[in-house]
N, C-alpha and C. Protein backbone atom coordinates (compact mmCIF):
# COMPACT_ATOMS: atom_id res chain seq x y z
N MET A 1 7.16 19.13 -19.23
CA MET A 1 7.20 18.59 -20.56
C MET A 1 7.16 19.71 -21.58
N PHE A 2 6.31 20.70 -21.35
CA PHE A 2 6.19 21.83 -22.26
C PHE A 2 7.49 22.61 -22.31
N ILE A 3 8.12 22.81 -21.16
CA ILE A 3 9.36 23.58 -21.09
C ILE A 3 10.45 22.88 -21.89
N LEU A 4 10.56 21.57 -21.74
CA LEU A 4 11.57 20.83 -22.49
C LEU A 4 11.32 20.92 -23.99
N ALA A 5 10.05 20.89 -24.40
CA ALA A 5 9.72 21.00 -25.82
C ALA A 5 10.11 22.36 -26.35
N VAL A 6 9.86 23.40 -25.58
CA VAL A 6 10.21 24.76 -25.99
C VAL A 6 11.72 24.88 -26.10
N VAL A 7 12.44 24.35 -25.12
CA VAL A 7 13.91 24.42 -25.15
C VAL A 7 14.43 23.66 -26.36
N PHE A 8 13.88 22.50 -26.63
CA PHE A 8 14.33 21.70 -27.76
C PHE A 8 14.05 22.41 -29.08
N ILE A 9 12.85 22.99 -29.23
CA ILE A 9 12.50 23.72 -30.45
C ILE A 9 13.41 24.92 -30.61
N ARG A 10 13.62 25.65 -29.51
CA ARG A 10 14.51 26.81 -29.55
C ARG A 10 15.91 26.38 -29.95
N PHE A 11 16.34 25.26 -29.40
CA PHE A 11 17.67 24.74 -29.71
C PHE A 11 17.79 24.44 -31.21
N ARG A 12 16.76 23.79 -31.77
CA ARG A 12 16.79 23.45 -33.19
C ARG A 12 16.78 24.70 -34.07
N ILE A 13 15.97 25.68 -33.70
CA ILE A 13 15.88 26.92 -34.49
C ILE A 13 17.21 27.65 -34.45
N THR A 14 17.77 27.78 -33.27
CA THR A 14 19.02 28.54 -33.15
C THR A 14 20.16 27.80 -33.85
N THR A 15 20.15 26.48 -33.82
CA THR A 15 21.25 25.76 -34.46
C THR A 15 21.13 25.79 -35.97
N THR A 16 19.91 25.86 -36.49
CA THR A 16 19.76 25.93 -37.94
C THR A 16 20.04 27.33 -38.47
N LEU A 17 19.85 28.35 -37.65
CA LEU A 17 20.06 29.73 -38.11
C LEU A 17 21.53 30.11 -38.15
N ARG A 18 22.32 29.46 -37.38
CA ARG A 18 23.73 29.84 -37.36
C ARG A 18 24.57 28.66 -37.81
N GLN A 19 25.74 28.99 -38.23
CA GLN A 19 26.66 27.92 -38.58
C GLN A 19 27.30 27.44 -37.29
N GLU A 20 27.17 26.16 -37.07
CA GLU A 20 27.70 25.64 -35.82
C GLU A 20 29.18 25.33 -35.98
N THR A 21 29.89 25.75 -34.99
CA THR A 21 31.29 25.36 -34.92
C THR A 21 31.36 24.19 -33.96
N GLY A 22 32.48 23.61 -33.84
CA GLY A 22 32.65 22.48 -32.94
C GLY A 22 32.36 22.86 -31.51
N LYS A 23 32.81 24.05 -31.09
CA LYS A 23 32.61 24.48 -29.70
C LYS A 23 31.13 24.75 -29.42
N GLU A 24 30.44 25.37 -30.38
CA GLU A 24 29.02 25.66 -30.18
C GLU A 24 28.22 24.36 -30.06
N ARG A 25 28.53 23.43 -30.93
CA ARG A 25 27.83 22.14 -30.89
C ARG A 25 28.12 21.43 -29.57
N GLU A 26 29.36 21.49 -29.14
CA GLU A 26 29.75 20.87 -27.88
C GLU A 26 28.99 21.51 -26.71
N LYS A 27 28.86 22.85 -26.75
CA LYS A 27 28.14 23.56 -25.70
C LYS A 27 26.66 23.16 -25.70
N ASP A 28 26.06 23.10 -26.89
CA ASP A 28 24.65 22.72 -26.98
C ASP A 28 24.44 21.28 -26.51
N ASP A 29 25.35 20.39 -26.89
CA ASP A 29 25.26 19.00 -26.44
C ASP A 29 25.38 18.92 -24.92
N PHE A 30 26.27 19.73 -24.36
CA PHE A 30 26.45 19.74 -22.91
C PHE A 30 25.16 20.18 -22.21
N ILE A 31 24.52 21.21 -22.76
CA ILE A 31 23.27 21.72 -22.18
C ILE A 31 22.18 20.64 -22.26
N LEU A 32 22.07 20.00 -23.42
CA LEU A 32 21.06 18.95 -23.56
C LEU A 32 21.33 17.78 -22.62
N LYS A 33 22.58 17.41 -22.49
CA LYS A 33 22.92 16.31 -21.58
C LYS A 33 22.61 16.68 -20.13
N ALA A 34 22.88 17.94 -19.77
CA ALA A 34 22.58 18.40 -18.41
C ALA A 34 21.07 18.37 -18.17
N GLN A 35 20.30 18.81 -19.15
CA GLN A 35 18.85 18.77 -19.01
C GLN A 35 18.36 17.33 -18.90
N ASN A 36 18.95 16.45 -19.67
CA ASN A 36 18.56 15.04 -19.63
C ASN A 36 18.90 14.43 -18.26
N ARG A 37 20.07 14.76 -17.73
CA ARG A 37 20.45 14.26 -16.40
C ARG A 37 19.47 14.74 -15.35
N THR A 38 19.09 16.01 -15.43
CA THR A 38 18.15 16.57 -14.47
C THR A 38 16.79 15.88 -14.58
N ALA A 39 16.33 15.68 -15.79
CA ALA A 39 15.04 15.01 -16.00
C ALA A 39 15.10 13.57 -15.49
N ALA A 40 16.19 12.88 -15.76
CA ALA A 40 16.33 11.50 -15.30
C ALA A 40 16.35 11.45 -13.77
N LEU A 41 17.02 12.40 -13.16
CA LEU A 41 17.08 12.45 -11.69
C LEU A 41 15.68 12.68 -11.11
N ARG A 42 14.94 13.63 -11.69
CA ARG A 42 13.57 13.88 -11.23
C ARG A 42 12.70 12.64 -11.39
N TYR A 43 12.85 11.96 -12.51
CA TYR A 43 12.07 10.75 -12.77
C TYR A 43 12.39 9.67 -11.73
N ARG A 44 13.69 9.47 -11.45
CA ARG A 44 14.07 8.45 -10.46
C ARG A 44 13.55 8.81 -9.08
N GLU A 45 13.62 10.07 -8.72
CA GLU A 45 13.11 10.51 -7.41
C GLU A 45 11.59 10.27 -7.33
N LYS A 46 10.90 10.57 -8.41
CA LYS A 46 9.45 10.36 -8.44
C LYS A 46 9.12 8.88 -8.29
N LYS A 47 9.88 8.02 -8.97
CA LYS A 47 9.66 6.57 -8.85
C LYS A 47 9.92 6.10 -7.42
N LYS A 48 10.98 6.60 -6.79
CA LYS A 48 11.29 6.22 -5.41
C LYS A 48 10.17 6.65 -4.47
N LEU A 49 9.67 7.86 -4.67
CA LEU A 49 8.58 8.37 -3.83
C LEU A 49 7.32 7.51 -4.00
N ASN A 50 6.99 7.17 -5.24
CA ASN A 50 5.82 6.32 -5.48
C ASN A 50 6.00 4.94 -4.86
N GLU A 51 7.20 4.39 -4.95
CA GLU A 51 7.47 3.08 -4.36
C GLU A 51 7.33 3.15 -2.84
N LYS A 52 7.85 4.23 -2.24
CA LYS A 52 7.74 4.39 -0.78
C LYS A 52 6.27 4.50 -0.37
N LYS A 53 5.49 5.25 -1.13
CA LYS A 53 4.05 5.37 -0.83
C LYS A 53 3.37 4.02 -0.89
N ARG A 54 3.70 3.23 -1.92
CA ARG A 54 3.09 1.90 -2.05
C ARG A 54 3.49 1.00 -0.89
N LEU A 55 4.77 1.04 -0.49
CA LEU A 55 5.22 0.21 0.62
C LEU A 55 4.55 0.63 1.93
N ASP A 56 4.40 1.94 2.13
CA ASP A 56 3.70 2.43 3.32
C ASP A 56 2.24 1.97 3.32
N GLU A 57 1.62 2.01 2.16
CA GLU A 57 0.22 1.58 2.06
C GLU A 57 0.10 0.08 2.35
N VAL A 58 1.04 -0.70 1.82
CA VAL A 58 1.02 -2.15 2.08
C VAL A 58 1.20 -2.41 3.57
N ALA A 59 2.13 -1.68 4.20
CA ALA A 59 2.35 -1.87 5.64
C ALA A 59 1.09 -1.53 6.43
N GLY A 60 0.44 -0.44 6.07
CA GLY A 60 -0.79 -0.04 6.76
C GLY A 60 -1.90 -1.06 6.57
N LEU A 61 -2.05 -1.55 5.36
CA LEU A 61 -3.09 -2.55 5.09
C LEU A 61 -2.79 -3.87 5.79
N THR A 62 -1.51 -4.23 5.87
CA THR A 62 -1.13 -5.45 6.58
C THR A 62 -1.46 -5.32 8.06
N ARG A 63 -1.15 -4.17 8.62
CA ARG A 63 -1.46 -3.91 10.03
C ARG A 63 -2.97 -3.98 10.27
N ARG A 64 -3.74 -3.37 9.39
CA ARG A 64 -5.21 -3.38 9.51
C ARG A 64 -5.74 -4.81 9.38
N ASN A 65 -5.16 -5.59 8.48
CA ASN A 65 -5.57 -6.98 8.30
C ASN A 65 -5.33 -7.77 9.59
N GLN A 66 -4.19 -7.56 10.23
CA GLN A 66 -3.89 -8.26 11.49
C GLN A 66 -4.90 -7.88 12.57
N GLU A 67 -5.24 -6.59 12.64
CA GLU A 67 -6.24 -6.13 13.62
C GLU A 67 -7.59 -6.82 13.39
N LEU A 68 -8.00 -6.87 12.13
CA LEU A 68 -9.29 -7.49 11.81
C LEU A 68 -9.28 -8.99 12.09
N LYS A 69 -8.16 -9.65 11.80
CA LYS A 69 -8.06 -11.08 12.11
C LYS A 69 -8.16 -11.31 13.61
N SER A 70 -7.50 -10.44 14.39
CA SER A 70 -7.55 -10.57 15.84
C SER A 70 -8.98 -10.38 16.35
N LYS A 71 -9.66 -9.36 15.83
CA LYS A 71 -11.05 -9.13 16.23
C LYS A 71 -11.93 -10.32 15.84
N ALA A 72 -11.70 -10.88 14.67
CA ALA A 72 -12.50 -12.03 14.22
C ALA A 72 -12.27 -13.23 15.14
N ARG A 73 -11.01 -13.47 15.52
CA ARG A 73 -10.72 -14.57 16.44
C ARG A 73 -11.43 -14.36 17.77
N THR A 74 -11.36 -13.14 18.29
CA THR A 74 -12.01 -12.82 19.56
C THR A 74 -13.52 -13.04 19.45
N PHE A 75 -14.09 -12.59 18.34
CA PHE A 75 -15.52 -12.74 18.12
C PHE A 75 -15.92 -14.22 18.08
N VAL A 76 -15.15 -15.03 17.36
CA VAL A 76 -15.44 -16.46 17.26
C VAL A 76 -15.31 -17.12 18.63
N LEU A 77 -14.27 -16.77 19.38
CA LEU A 77 -14.10 -17.33 20.73
C LEU A 77 -15.27 -16.96 21.64
N ASN A 78 -15.73 -15.73 21.54
CA ASN A 78 -16.88 -15.30 22.35
C ASN A 78 -18.13 -16.09 21.98
N ILE A 79 -18.32 -16.33 20.71
CA ILE A 79 -19.48 -17.12 20.28
C ILE A 79 -19.39 -18.54 20.83
N ILE A 80 -18.21 -19.14 20.74
CA ILE A 80 -18.02 -20.50 21.25
C ILE A 80 -18.27 -20.54 22.75
N LEU A 81 -17.72 -19.57 23.48
CA LEU A 81 -17.94 -19.53 24.93
C LEU A 81 -19.42 -19.36 25.26
N PHE A 82 -20.10 -18.53 24.49
CA PHE A 82 -21.53 -18.33 24.71
C PHE A 82 -22.29 -19.63 24.48
N LYS A 83 -21.96 -20.35 23.43
CA LYS A 83 -22.63 -21.62 23.14
C LYS A 83 -22.35 -22.64 24.24
N VAL A 84 -21.11 -22.69 24.72
CA VAL A 84 -20.75 -23.61 25.81
C VAL A 84 -21.56 -23.26 27.06
N GLN A 85 -21.68 -21.97 27.34
CA GLN A 85 -22.46 -21.52 28.49
C GLN A 85 -23.92 -21.93 28.35
N GLU A 86 -24.48 -21.76 27.15
CA GLU A 86 -25.87 -22.16 26.91
C GLU A 86 -26.07 -23.65 27.14
N VAL A 87 -25.17 -24.45 26.61
CA VAL A 87 -25.28 -25.90 26.77
C VAL A 87 -25.12 -26.28 28.24
N SER A 88 -24.19 -25.65 28.94
CA SER A 88 -24.00 -25.92 30.38
C SER A 88 -25.26 -25.58 31.16
N ASN A 89 -25.87 -24.45 30.86
CA ASN A 89 -27.11 -24.06 31.53
C ASN A 89 -28.22 -25.06 31.25
N GLU A 90 -28.32 -25.52 30.02
CA GLU A 90 -29.35 -26.48 29.66
C GLU A 90 -29.13 -27.81 30.39
N ILE A 91 -27.87 -28.23 30.49
CA ILE A 91 -27.55 -29.47 31.22
C ILE A 91 -27.94 -29.33 32.69
N ALA A 92 -27.63 -28.17 33.27
CA ALA A 92 -27.98 -27.94 34.68
C ALA A 92 -29.49 -27.99 34.88
N ILE A 93 -30.25 -27.39 33.99
CA ILE A 93 -31.72 -27.41 34.08
C ILE A 93 -32.24 -28.84 33.97
N LEU A 94 -31.70 -29.60 33.03
CA LEU A 94 -32.13 -30.99 32.85
C LEU A 94 -31.80 -31.84 34.08
N LYS A 95 -30.66 -31.61 34.70
CA LYS A 95 -30.29 -32.33 35.92
C LYS A 95 -31.28 -32.03 37.05
N LYS A 96 -31.64 -30.76 37.18
CA LYS A 96 -32.61 -30.38 38.22
C LYS A 96 -33.95 -31.08 37.98
N LEU A 97 -34.38 -31.09 36.73
CA LEU A 97 -35.64 -31.76 36.40
C LEU A 97 -35.57 -33.26 36.71
N MET A 98 -34.45 -33.86 36.40
CA MET A 98 -34.29 -35.29 36.66
C MET A 98 -34.30 -35.59 38.16
N VAL A 99 -33.68 -34.69 38.95
CA VAL A 99 -33.67 -34.85 40.40
C VAL A 99 -35.09 -34.70 40.93
N GLU A 100 -35.81 -33.73 40.42
CA GLU A 100 -37.19 -33.52 40.86
C GLU A 100 -38.06 -34.73 40.52
N LEU A 101 -37.79 -35.35 39.42
CA LEU A 101 -38.59 -36.51 39.01
C LEU A 101 -38.01 -37.82 39.53
N ASN A 102 -36.98 -37.74 40.35
CA ASN A 102 -36.31 -38.91 40.94
C ASN A 102 -35.80 -39.89 39.88
N ILE A 103 -35.27 -39.36 38.84
CA ILE A 103 -34.69 -40.20 37.81
C ILE A 103 -33.19 -40.29 38.07
N ARG A 104 -32.72 -41.53 38.09
CA ARG A 104 -31.29 -41.70 38.32
C ARG A 104 -30.55 -41.57 36.99
N PHE A 105 -29.39 -40.99 37.08
CA PHE A 105 -28.55 -40.86 35.89
C PHE A 105 -27.11 -41.13 36.28
N GLU A 106 -26.41 -41.60 35.38
CA GLU A 106 -25.01 -41.94 35.65
C GLU A 106 -24.10 -41.15 34.76
């Protein structure tokens, strides 16, 4: 930004100090247009790079989200299986007690 400001100020000073002919003005305009094209190209490249970084970050976060969802499902399934196992064990204990006490059950 500073370099462009210096070039622009220098351009204004030099153009005011001399009488511009058509060719000189054309040359100065060409230089300014070339600088503008270069700046626009750098800006577009920077925007593309930032967009790519954001897309990569989104992809990484999406992947991480899927991993966490999978772990959560596994965790919930393990809890359910554990609870089923506990209830099954309790039923088995109650059946044994009922057999010991000669209680019929259907």
